Every structure is written in structure tokens, then in C-alpha cells.
Amino acid sequence: MVHHTSYIEEEATMSEYPTDETLRLVGGCERFESSLRLIVSPASGSFEPATELMNRSEATPIQVGQVVGRVVGTGGCVDVTSPFTGSLDAVLAWPNERLVKHQHVLVLRSAS
């Protein structure tokens, strides 16, 4: 039997694993609560990040509905908007990178 270890398991420290506070029993099932949120591409095409992301500093604030970039494809130009409020943790898509629909673009860290 082969055990597959994910990148997250290899890189995580013990303090990054869920604690009793983040795991709750809900209807007999475990529920994991995370402060990280993913913003995904609404369409396929070439990604153009918003100017403020190109000149970002650590923990750049992002608001609900804020345009964080655009995807330009055969269907035209589609805004990538944030459905969450938080601070920018990581940019996962490069300028002019070809994206598929629902591909991860940004990681936000929520305040809660």
C-alpha cells in the first residue's frame, strides 16, 4: 500500500493543523473552519491582474466586490471580483497566464 503525502502535509508545522477550536462536530460530521479564502477565475482566458495587485505590499486589503483582475478570452473581457473581504495572502496567477474557468487566482486571509 502506498501512502501519498500532500505538499501541505509536508510543509505544515504542527501549529498549522486544526485544533479542537477549528474542528467542530456538526450533525455527526466534522467541519473544518479556515481563515483562508480562494478567489477563482469566472471564465477561461488570459489573466490581467488589477494595478493595485502588481504594486502590492504585504497584507493588501481586499473588499467584497473589488475587481482584482480581468480574464480576456474568446467571450470578451470578464472581471474577476472578490466575493470575500480579507487581506491578500498570495497571488496564484501570473500576468498574461492562460486560465481555465474556476482556476485559483488569489488567496485571501479573512479577519475572522
N, C-alpha and C. Protein backbone atom coordinates (compact mmCIF):
# COMPACT_ATOMS: atom_id res chain seq x y z
N MET A 1 0.85 -1.18 0.00
CA MET A 1 0.00 0.00 0.00
C MET A 1 0.90 1.24 0.00
N VAL A 2 0.59 2.19 -0.86
CA VAL A 2 1.37 3.42 -0.99
C VAL A 2 0.65 4.54 -0.24
N HIS A 3 1.41 5.25 0.59
CA HIS A 3 0.85 6.41 1.29
C HIS A 3 1.26 7.66 0.53
N HIS A 4 0.29 8.45 0.10
CA HIS A 4 0.57 9.69 -0.62
C HIS A 4 0.56 10.84 0.37
N THR A 5 1.62 11.60 0.41
CA THR A 5 1.73 12.76 1.28
C THR A 5 1.59 14.00 0.43
N SER A 6 0.67 14.86 0.81
CA SER A 6 0.46 16.07 0.03
C SER A 6 1.52 17.10 0.39
N TYR A 7 1.68 18.09 -0.46
CA TYR A 7 2.60 19.20 -0.24
C TYR A 7 2.26 19.89 1.07
N ILE A 8 0.97 20.05 1.35
CA ILE A 8 0.54 20.73 2.56
C ILE A 8 0.99 19.95 3.79
N GLU A 9 0.86 18.64 3.77
CA GLU A 9 1.27 17.83 4.91
C GLU A 9 2.78 17.94 5.14
N GLU A 10 3.55 18.01 4.07
CA GLU A 10 4.99 18.09 4.20
C GLU A 10 5.44 19.44 4.72
N GLU A 11 4.78 20.52 4.33
CA GLU A 11 5.21 21.86 4.67
C GLU A 11 4.60 22.37 5.98
N ALA A 12 3.50 21.78 6.41
CA ALA A 12 2.80 22.30 7.58
C ALA A 12 3.54 21.93 8.87
N THR A 13 3.49 22.85 9.81
CA THR A 13 4.01 22.55 11.13
C THR A 13 2.85 22.12 12.00
N MET A 14 3.13 21.58 13.13
CA MET A 14 2.06 21.09 13.99
C MET A 14 1.09 22.20 14.38
N SER A 15 1.56 23.42 14.52
CA SER A 15 0.68 24.53 14.89
C SER A 15 -0.30 24.89 13.77
N GLU A 16 -0.03 24.45 12.54
CA GLU A 16 -0.92 24.77 11.43
C GLU A 16 -2.04 23.75 11.27
N TYR A 17 -1.96 22.63 11.98
CA TYR A 17 -3.02 21.64 11.89
C TYR A 17 -4.22 22.09 12.70
N PRO A 18 -5.42 21.65 12.31
CA PRO A 18 -6.63 22.07 13.02
C PRO A 18 -6.56 21.71 14.50
N THR A 19 -7.08 22.59 15.32
CA THR A 19 -7.17 22.35 16.75
C THR A 19 -8.61 22.03 17.09
N ASP A 20 -8.87 21.72 18.34
CA ASP A 20 -10.24 21.46 18.77
C ASP A 20 -11.14 22.66 18.52
N GLU A 21 -10.54 23.87 18.52
CA GLU A 21 -11.32 25.08 18.28
C GLU A 21 -11.76 25.19 16.82
N THR A 22 -10.98 24.65 15.90
CA THR A 22 -11.34 24.78 14.49
C THR A 22 -12.11 23.59 13.95
N LEU A 23 -12.10 22.48 14.68
CA LEU A 23 -12.90 21.33 14.28
C LEU A 23 -14.12 21.23 15.19
N ARG A 24 -15.27 21.20 14.62
CA ARG A 24 -16.50 21.12 15.39
C ARG A 24 -17.34 19.97 14.84
N LEU A 25 -18.06 19.29 15.72
CA LEU A 25 -18.98 18.26 15.27
C LEU A 25 -20.30 18.93 14.90
N VAL A 26 -20.72 18.77 13.67
CA VAL A 26 -21.96 19.36 13.18
C VAL A 26 -22.79 18.23 12.60
N GLY A 27 -23.88 17.89 13.23
CA GLY A 27 -24.73 16.81 12.74
C GLY A 27 -23.98 15.49 12.62
N GLY A 28 -23.05 15.24 13.53
CA GLY A 28 -22.30 13.99 13.49
C GLY A 28 -21.12 14.01 12.53
N CYS A 29 -20.86 15.15 11.88
CA CYS A 29 -19.76 15.27 10.92
C CYS A 29 -18.78 16.35 11.40
N GLU A 30 -17.52 16.19 11.02
CA GLU A 30 -16.55 17.22 11.34
C GLU A 30 -16.66 18.36 10.35
N ARG A 31 -16.48 19.57 10.83
CA ARG A 31 -16.47 20.75 9.96
C ARG A 31 -15.16 21.49 10.21
N PHE A 32 -14.44 21.79 9.17
CA PHE A 32 -13.17 22.50 9.27
C PHE A 32 -13.39 23.96 8.94
N GLU A 33 -12.93 24.84 9.82
CA GLU A 33 -13.04 26.27 9.59
C GLU A 33 -11.66 26.81 9.28
N SER A 34 -11.54 27.58 8.21
CA SER A 34 -10.26 28.12 7.80
C SER A 34 -10.37 29.62 7.58
N SER A 35 -9.29 30.32 7.85
CA SER A 35 -9.29 31.77 7.63
C SER A 35 -8.86 32.11 6.19
N LEU A 36 -8.50 31.09 5.40
CA LEU A 36 -8.09 31.33 4.01
C LEU A 36 -9.27 31.21 3.06
N ARG A 37 -9.30 32.09 2.06
CA ARG A 37 -10.36 32.09 1.04
C ARG A 37 -9.70 32.12 -0.33
N LEU A 38 -10.26 31.39 -1.27
CA LEU A 38 -9.74 31.37 -2.65
C LEU A 38 -10.64 32.18 -3.56
N ILE A 39 -10.04 33.00 -4.39
CA ILE A 39 -10.76 33.69 -5.46
C ILE A 39 -10.42 32.94 -6.74
N VAL A 40 -11.46 32.58 -7.50
CA VAL A 40 -11.26 31.78 -8.71
C VAL A 40 -11.65 32.57 -9.96
N SER A 41 -11.14 32.11 -11.09
CA SER A 41 -11.44 32.74 -12.37
C SER A 41 -12.88 32.43 -12.79
N PRO A 42 -13.64 33.45 -13.21
CA PRO A 42 -15.02 33.21 -13.64
C PRO A 42 -15.11 32.67 -15.07
N ALA A 43 -14.00 32.67 -15.80
CA ALA A 43 -14.02 32.26 -17.21
C ALA A 43 -12.62 31.81 -17.63
N SER A 44 -12.54 31.24 -18.81
CA SER A 44 -11.24 30.87 -19.39
C SER A 44 -10.70 32.05 -20.17
N GLY A 45 -9.38 32.20 -20.14
CA GLY A 45 -8.75 33.27 -20.89
C GLY A 45 -7.44 33.70 -20.26
N SER A 46 -6.92 34.80 -20.73
CA SER A 46 -5.65 35.35 -20.27
C SER A 46 -5.90 36.29 -19.08
N PHE A 47 -5.18 36.09 -17.97
CA PHE A 47 -5.38 36.86 -16.75
C PHE A 47 -4.60 38.16 -16.77
N GLU A 48 -5.29 39.25 -16.45
CA GLU A 48 -4.67 40.56 -16.30
C GLU A 48 -4.98 41.05 -14.88
N PRO A 49 -3.99 41.02 -13.98
CA PRO A 49 -4.25 41.46 -12.60
C PRO A 49 -4.51 42.96 -12.52
N ALA A 50 -5.27 43.36 -11.51
CA ALA A 50 -5.51 44.78 -11.27
C ALA A 50 -4.20 45.46 -10.91
N THR A 51 -4.08 46.74 -11.22
CA THR A 51 -2.86 47.51 -10.98
C THR A 51 -2.41 47.45 -9.53
N GLU A 52 -3.37 47.54 -8.60
CA GLU A 52 -3.01 47.54 -7.18
C GLU A 52 -2.41 46.20 -6.73
N LEU A 53 -2.67 45.12 -7.46
CA LEU A 53 -2.06 43.84 -7.13
C LEU A 53 -0.62 43.76 -7.64
N MET A 54 -0.35 44.47 -8.71
CA MET A 54 1.00 44.46 -9.27
C MET A 54 1.97 45.22 -8.36
N ASN A 55 1.48 46.23 -7.65
CA ASN A 55 2.31 47.05 -6.77
C ASN A 55 1.94 46.79 -5.31
N ARG A 56 1.69 45.55 -5.00
CA ARG A 56 1.16 45.22 -3.67
C ARG A 56 2.24 45.16 -2.61
N SER A 57 1.77 45.37 -1.38
CA SER A 57 2.63 45.17 -0.22
C SER A 57 2.02 44.00 0.57
N GLU A 58 2.69 43.60 1.62
CA GLU A 58 2.17 42.53 2.46
C GLU A 58 0.78 42.90 2.96
N ALA A 59 -0.11 41.95 2.96
CA ALA A 59 -1.45 42.09 3.54
C ALA A 59 -2.27 43.22 2.91
N THR A 60 -2.22 43.37 1.61
CA THR A 60 -3.04 44.36 0.92
C THR A 60 -4.51 44.05 1.18
N PRO A 61 -5.30 45.02 1.67
CA PRO A 61 -6.71 44.74 1.94
C PRO A 61 -7.52 44.60 0.65
N ILE A 62 -8.42 43.63 0.64
CA ILE A 62 -9.32 43.37 -0.48
C ILE A 62 -10.74 43.38 0.07
N GLN A 63 -11.65 44.06 -0.62
CA GLN A 63 -13.05 44.17 -0.18
C GLN A 63 -13.97 43.32 -1.05
N VAL A 64 -15.13 42.98 -0.51
CA VAL A 64 -16.14 42.26 -1.28
C VAL A 64 -16.51 43.09 -2.50
N GLY A 65 -16.52 42.45 -3.66
CA GLY A 65 -16.89 43.13 -4.91
C GLY A 65 -15.74 43.85 -5.59
N GLN A 66 -14.58 43.90 -4.95
CA GLN A 66 -13.43 44.57 -5.55
C GLN A 66 -12.94 43.79 -6.77
N VAL A 67 -12.67 44.51 -7.85
CA VAL A 67 -12.11 43.88 -9.05
C VAL A 67 -10.63 43.65 -8.81
N VAL A 68 -10.22 42.39 -8.86
CA VAL A 68 -8.81 42.04 -8.62
C VAL A 68 -8.08 41.69 -9.91
N GLY A 69 -8.81 41.72 -11.01
CA GLY A 69 -8.21 41.44 -12.30
C GLY A 69 -9.27 41.22 -13.36
N ARG A 70 -8.81 40.85 -14.54
CA ARG A 70 -9.71 40.57 -15.67
C ARG A 70 -9.20 39.34 -16.40
N VAL A 71 -10.15 38.61 -16.98
CA VAL A 71 -9.81 37.48 -17.83
C VAL A 71 -10.31 37.82 -19.22
N VAL A 72 -9.38 37.84 -20.17
CA VAL A 72 -9.71 38.18 -21.55
C VAL A 72 -9.66 36.89 -22.36
N GLY A 73 -10.80 36.53 -22.95
CA GLY A 73 -10.88 35.31 -23.75
C GLY A 73 -11.75 35.51 -24.97
N THR A 74 -12.14 34.42 -25.58
CA THR A 74 -12.95 34.49 -26.79
C THR A 74 -14.32 35.09 -26.52
N GLY A 75 -14.79 34.98 -25.27
CA GLY A 75 -16.09 35.55 -24.91
C GLY A 75 -16.02 37.00 -24.50
N GLY A 76 -14.83 37.61 -24.60
CA GLY A 76 -14.66 39.00 -24.21
C GLY A 76 -13.89 39.13 -22.92
N CYS A 77 -14.04 40.28 -22.27
CA CYS A 77 -13.33 40.59 -21.03
C CYS A 77 -14.28 40.41 -19.85
N VAL A 78 -13.85 39.61 -18.87
CA VAL A 78 -14.69 39.33 -17.69
C VAL A 78 -13.90 39.75 -16.45
N ASP A 79 -14.54 40.56 -15.59
CA ASP A 79 -13.90 40.98 -14.34
C ASP A 79 -13.81 39.81 -13.37
N VAL A 80 -12.68 39.74 -12.66
CA VAL A 80 -12.51 38.80 -11.55
C VAL A 80 -12.74 39.62 -10.30
N THR A 81 -13.84 39.35 -9.59
CA THR A 81 -14.17 40.11 -8.39
C THR A 81 -14.07 39.23 -7.16
N SER A 82 -13.80 39.85 -6.03
CA SER A 82 -13.66 39.11 -4.78
C SER A 82 -15.03 38.95 -4.11
N PRO A 83 -15.40 37.71 -3.79
CA PRO A 83 -16.63 37.50 -3.03
C PRO A 83 -16.39 37.62 -1.52
N PHE A 84 -15.15 37.93 -1.11
CA PHE A 84 -14.76 37.97 0.29
C PHE A 84 -14.04 39.27 0.64
N THR A 85 -14.04 39.59 1.93
CA THR A 85 -13.21 40.65 2.47
C THR A 85 -12.05 39.99 3.20
N GLY A 86 -10.87 40.52 3.01
CA GLY A 86 -9.70 39.96 3.69
C GLY A 86 -8.44 40.66 3.24
N SER A 87 -7.32 40.09 3.63
CA SER A 87 -6.04 40.64 3.19
C SER A 87 -5.38 39.66 2.23
N LEU A 88 -4.71 40.20 1.25
CA LEU A 88 -4.08 39.38 0.22
C LEU A 88 -2.98 38.54 0.84
N ASP A 89 -3.06 37.23 0.64
CA ASP A 89 -2.06 36.31 1.19
C ASP A 89 -1.12 35.82 0.09
N ALA A 90 -1.69 35.52 -1.10
CA ALA A 90 -0.85 35.02 -2.20
C ALA A 90 -1.55 35.26 -3.53
N VAL A 91 -0.75 35.56 -4.54
CA VAL A 91 -1.23 35.67 -5.92
C VAL A 91 -0.82 34.37 -6.62
N LEU A 92 -1.79 33.63 -7.12
CA LEU A 92 -1.52 32.32 -7.71
C LEU A 92 -1.48 32.33 -9.23
N ALA A 93 -1.91 33.43 -9.84
CA ALA A 93 -1.92 33.53 -11.30
C ALA A 93 -1.01 34.67 -11.75
N TRP A 94 -0.17 34.39 -12.71
CA TRP A 94 0.77 35.38 -13.26
C TRP A 94 0.07 36.27 -14.27
N PRO A 95 0.58 37.49 -14.49
CA PRO A 95 0.04 38.33 -15.56
C PRO A 95 0.16 37.60 -16.91
N ASN A 96 -0.88 37.64 -17.68
CA ASN A 96 -0.99 37.01 -19.00
C ASN A 96 -1.01 35.49 -18.96
N GLU A 97 -1.14 34.91 -17.76
CA GLU A 97 -1.26 33.45 -17.65
C GLU A 97 -2.60 33.01 -18.20
N ARG A 98 -2.60 31.93 -18.94
CA ARG A 98 -3.83 31.36 -19.50
C ARG A 98 -4.53 30.57 -18.40
N LEU A 99 -5.76 30.97 -18.07
CA LEU A 99 -6.53 30.32 -17.01
C LEU A 99 -7.71 29.55 -17.58
N VAL A 100 -8.13 28.55 -16.84
CA VAL A 100 -9.37 27.85 -17.15
C VAL A 100 -10.42 28.32 -16.14
N LYS A 101 -11.67 28.14 -16.47
CA LYS A 101 -12.75 28.55 -15.58
C LYS A 101 -12.58 27.85 -14.23
N HIS A 102 -12.73 28.60 -13.15
CA HIS A 102 -12.64 28.16 -11.75
C HIS A 102 -11.22 27.89 -11.28
N GLN A 103 -10.20 28.28 -12.06
CA GLN A 103 -8.82 28.13 -11.61
C GLN A 103 -8.54 29.15 -10.51
N HIS A 104 -7.75 28.75 -9.51
CA HIS A 104 -7.41 29.63 -8.39
C HIS A 104 -6.57 30.81 -8.86
N VAL A 105 -6.95 32.01 -8.42
CA VAL A 105 -6.26 33.23 -8.82
C VAL A 105 -5.55 33.88 -7.63
N LEU A 106 -6.26 34.03 -6.51
CA LEU A 106 -5.72 34.67 -5.31
C LEU A 106 -6.10 33.90 -4.06
N VAL A 107 -5.30 34.09 -3.02
CA VAL A 107 -5.62 33.58 -1.69
C VAL A 107 -5.76 34.77 -0.76
N LEU A 108 -6.88 34.85 -0.05
CA LEU A 108 -7.12 35.90 0.93
C LEU A 108 -7.13 35.29 2.33
N ARG A 109 -6.72 36.08 3.29
CA ARG A 109 -6.80 35.67 4.69
C ARG A 109 -7.88 36.55 5.31
N SER A 110 -8.96 35.91 5.79
CA SER A 110 -10.05 36.68 6.37
C SER A 110 -9.72 37.07 7.80
N ALA A 111 -10.40 38.10 8.27
CA ALA A 111 -10.16 38.61 9.62
C ALA A 111 -10.73 37.69 10.68
N SER A 112 -11.75 36.92 10.33
CA SER A 112 -12.41 36.07 11.34
C SER A 112 -11.72 34.74 11.49
